[in-house]
């Protein structure tokens, strides 16, 4: 079983990373540890959960955003890239215009590798509009989600942009947990004291 998992991990990574797309200069599926010195690191158990990138260390910053976060699977690969501005200085009309340009630009840039399906997320608030692009890889049907939110409620002018591959996150964490379980069972067998038997 361990040999199958050891074989599957590199194959999955090759499949995912060969079509990796990026946001703010960060690529999905790449090793998050190369950015350890670029911001505040948060751990979950022994793994990197996410890194808040310092604004002056962002690879490609966007003038509409002020906070950047990259999130990791248990095995240390990026599955989500997140940009945010909680103090947006745009009017609702300007925000919606920028949002539309982001969606169109992102779709055009990735049209060669992905089939796209653009949907408005059904928010309950009229002052919050989220558009999502569901990107399905033409080769292996893996689905990514790119979303842009304009939140222009009275107390909260906010823009949020997220590129995420939840499927990759789930698969990677499952493989990681399986490997951990196999190693734990192997250690448990070694610890058994059979002296005097």
Protein backbone atom coordinates (compact mmCIF):
# COMPACT_ATOMS: atom_id res chain seq x y z
CA UNK A 1 0.00 0.00 0.00
CA UNK A 2 2.81 2.41 0.92
CA UNK A 3 4.45 1.82 -2.49
CA UNK A 4 1.19 2.65 -4.27
CA UNK A 5 0.88 5.90 -2.32
CA UNK A 6 4.55 6.77 -2.96
CA UNK A 7 3.92 6.26 -6.68
CA UNK A 8 0.60 8.15 -6.72
CA UNK A 9 1.82 11.35 -5.03
CA UNK A 10 4.38 12.33 -7.72
CA UNK A 11 1.94 11.36 -10.49
CA UNK A 12 -0.83 13.53 -9.00
CA UNK A 13 1.55 16.43 -8.54
CA UNK A 14 2.72 16.13 -12.13
CA UNK A 15 -0.88 16.16 -13.37
CA UNK A 16 -1.82 19.16 -11.26
CA UNK A 17 1.36 21.21 -11.62
CA UNK A 18 1.68 20.78 -15.37
CA UNK A 19 -1.39 22.99 -15.70
CA UNK A 20 -0.84 25.17 -12.63
CA UNK A 21 -2.21 28.66 -12.88
CA UNK A 22 -1.24 31.64 -10.83
CA UNK A 23 -2.61 34.65 -9.03
CA UNK A 24 -0.47 37.56 -7.78
CA UNK A 25 2.59 35.61 -9.00
CA UNK A 26 1.87 32.55 -6.81
CA UNK A 27 1.19 29.25 -8.54
CA UNK A 28 -1.26 26.66 -7.33
CA UNK A 29 0.37 23.35 -6.32
CA UNK A 30 3.86 24.76 -5.73
CA UNK A 31 5.75 24.23 -2.46
CA UNK A 32 4.62 26.81 0.09
CA UNK A 33 7.81 26.55 2.16
CA UNK A 34 9.72 28.74 -0.31
CA UNK A 35 7.66 31.68 1.03
CA UNK A 36 8.30 31.07 4.75
CA UNK A 37 10.37 34.26 5.05
CA UNK A 38 7.80 36.42 3.23
CA UNK A 39 5.26 36.87 6.01
CA UNK A 40 3.47 35.59 9.08
CA UNK A 41 3.23 31.78 9.10
CA UNK A 42 0.36 29.93 10.79
CA UNK A 43 0.71 26.23 11.57
CA UNK A 44 -1.93 23.56 12.07
CA UNK A 45 -0.47 20.66 14.02
CA UNK A 46 2.97 20.25 12.38
CA UNK A 47 2.01 21.52 8.92
CA UNK A 48 1.88 25.03 7.46
CA UNK A 49 -1.76 26.11 7.32
CA UNK A 50 -1.26 29.48 5.63
CA UNK A 51 1.12 32.39 5.19
CA UNK A 52 0.00 36.02 5.38
CA UNK A 53 2.39 37.61 2.90
CA UNK A 54 3.85 40.99 3.91
CA UNK A 55 2.55 43.64 1.51
CA UNK A 56 6.07 44.62 0.40
CA UNK A 57 6.98 40.95 -0.28
CA UNK A 58 4.04 40.08 -2.58
CA UNK A 59 5.31 38.81 -5.92
CA UNK A 60 2.79 40.76 -8.04
CA UNK A 61 0.64 43.07 -5.94
CA UNK A 62 -2.59 44.66 -7.12
CA UNK A 63 -3.41 48.27 -6.30
CA UNK A 64 -6.93 47.35 -5.20
CA UNK A 65 -5.76 44.84 -2.57
CA UNK A 66 -3.81 45.19 0.68
CA UNK A 67 -3.65 41.68 2.20
CA UNK A 68 -2.46 38.45 0.60
CA UNK A 69 -2.64 34.91 1.93
CA UNK A 70 -1.54 31.56 0.50
CA UNK A 71 -2.99 28.36 1.99
CA UNK A 72 -1.39 24.94 2.08
CA UNK A 73 -2.35 21.28 2.04
CA UNK A 74 -0.94 19.07 4.82
CA UNK A 75 1.91 18.05 2.52
CA UNK A 76 2.93 21.67 1.94
CA UNK A 77 1.56 22.56 -1.49
CA UNK A 78 -0.49 25.66 -2.27
CA UNK A 79 -4.18 25.00 -2.91
CA UNK A 80 -5.56 28.54 -2.41
CA UNK A 81 -4.37 32.07 -3.15
CA UNK A 82 -6.28 34.92 -1.55
CA UNK A 83 -6.21 38.72 -1.93
CA UNK A 84 -8.26 41.11 0.19
CA UNK A 85 -8.87 44.77 0.93
CA UNK A 86 -11.10 45.54 3.92
CA UNK A 87 -10.84 49.31 3.44
CA UNK A 88 -11.71 49.75 -0.19
CA UNK A 89 -11.88 53.33 -1.43
CA UNK A 90 -14.05 52.59 -4.47
CA UNK A 91 -17.70 53.44 -4.97
CA UNK A 92 -20.03 50.47 -5.58
CA UNK A 93 -20.15 51.25 -9.31
CA UNK A 94 -16.34 51.41 -9.54
CA UNK A 95 -15.99 48.19 -7.57
CA UNK A 96 -18.38 46.34 -9.88
CA UNK A 97 -16.52 47.67 -12.93
CA UNK A 98 -13.17 46.49 -11.54
CA UNK A 99 -14.74 43.15 -10.60
CA UNK A 100 -15.99 42.64 -14.15
CA UNK A 101 -12.56 43.48 -15.62
CA UNK A 102 -10.88 40.96 -13.29
CA UNK A 103 -13.31 38.21 -14.30
CA UNK A 104 -12.93 38.90 -18.05
CA UNK A 105 -9.14 39.16 -17.81
CA UNK A 106 -8.75 35.95 -15.81
CA UNK A 107 -11.06 34.03 -18.15
CA UNK A 108 -9.19 35.20 -21.27
CA UNK A 109 -5.79 34.41 -19.76
CA UNK A 110 -6.78 30.81 -18.98
CA UNK A 111 -9.14 30.02 -21.88
CA UNK A 112 -6.61 27.80 -23.67
CA UNK A 113 -6.39 25.19 -20.88
CA UNK A 114 -9.78 25.55 -19.23
CA UNK A 115 -13.45 25.46 -20.08
CA UNK A 116 -15.07 28.24 -18.09
CA UNK A 117 -18.46 28.71 -16.52
CA UNK A 118 -19.17 32.12 -14.98
CA UNK A 119 -21.86 32.37 -12.31
CA UNK A 120 -23.00 34.94 -9.82
CA UNK A 121 -22.86 33.55 -6.31
CA UNK A 122 -26.32 33.85 -4.71
CA UNK A 123 -25.56 36.24 -1.83
CA UNK A 124 -28.46 37.23 0.40
CA UNK A 125 -27.20 40.80 0.73
CA UNK A 126 -27.86 43.23 -2.11
CA UNK A 127 -24.70 45.11 -1.17
CA UNK A 128 -22.47 42.08 -1.70
CA UNK A 129 -21.85 40.68 -5.16
CA UNK A 130 -19.62 37.69 -5.88
CA UNK A 131 -18.85 36.40 -9.36
CA UNK A 132 -17.19 33.02 -9.74
CA UNK A 133 -15.46 31.39 -12.67
CA UNK A 134 -15.53 27.61 -12.51
CA UNK A 135 -12.55 26.44 -14.51
CA UNK A 136 -12.55 22.85 -15.70
CA UNK A 137 -9.30 21.54 -17.11
CA UNK A 138 -9.81 20.29 -20.64
CA UNK A 139 -7.45 17.35 -20.10
CA UNK A 140 -8.43 15.83 -16.75
CA UNK A 141 -11.67 17.58 -15.72
CA UNK A 142 -10.17 18.98 -12.54
CA UNK A 143 -12.20 22.00 -11.37
CA UNK A 144 -10.81 25.24 -9.97
CA UNK A 145 -12.74 28.24 -8.72
CA UNK A 146 -11.74 31.88 -9.20
CA UNK A 147 -13.98 34.33 -7.37
CA UNK A 148 -14.15 38.09 -6.99
CA UNK A 149 -16.35 39.71 -4.32
CA UNK A 150 -17.40 43.35 -4.05
CA UNK A 151 -18.89 44.09 -0.66
CA UNK A 152 -20.05 47.70 -0.47
CA UNK A 153 -22.36 47.66 2.52
CA UNK A 154 -22.51 50.84 4.60
CA UNK A 155 -19.91 49.84 7.16
CA UNK A 156 -17.82 47.53 5.05
CA UNK A 157 -16.24 48.43 1.71
CA UNK A 158 -14.36 45.30 0.76
CA UNK A 159 -12.93 43.46 -2.24
CA UNK A 160 -11.83 39.85 -2.12
CA UNK A 161 -10.24 37.67 -4.81
CA UNK A 162 -9.68 33.92 -4.37
CA UNK A 163 -8.22 31.19 -6.59
CA UNK A 164 -8.86 27.77 -5.09
CA UNK A 165 -8.63 24.06 -5.89
CA UNK A 166 -10.57 22.26 -3.15
CA UNK A 167 -10.38 18.94 -5.02
CA UNK A 168 -6.56 19.08 -4.89
CA UNK A 169 -6.73 19.98 -1.18
CA UNK A 170 -8.93 16.96 -0.41
CA UNK A 171 -6.88 14.49 -2.47
CA UNK A 172 -3.53 15.68 -1.08
CA UNK A 173 -4.74 15.58 2.52
CA UNK A 174 -6.22 12.12 2.04
CA UNK A 175 -2.91 10.80 0.69
CA UNK A 176 -1.00 12.53 3.49
CA UNK A 177 -3.29 11.04 6.15
CA UNK A 178 -2.97 7.55 4.60
CA UNK A 179 0.82 7.76 4.67
CA UNK A 180 0.75 8.97 8.28
CA UNK A 181 -1.56 6.10 9.24
CA UNK A 182 0.69 3.51 7.57
CA UNK A 183 3.76 4.94 9.31
CA UNK A 184 1.97 5.00 12.67
CA UNK A 185 0.93 1.34 12.30
CA UNK A 186 4.46 0.41 11.33
CA UNK A 187 5.83 2.13 14.45
CA UNK A 188 3.19 0.47 16.64
CA UNK A 189 4.34 -2.97 15.42
CA UNK A 190 7.98 -2.16 16.22
CA UNK A 191 7.19 -1.06 19.79
CA UNK A 192 5.61 -4.38 20.84
CA UNK A 193 7.80 -6.04 23.47
CA UNK A 194 8.04 -9.79 22.84
CA UNK A 195 10.90 -10.47 25.27
CA UNK A 196 10.53 -13.69 27.24
CA UNK A 197 8.15 -15.22 24.74
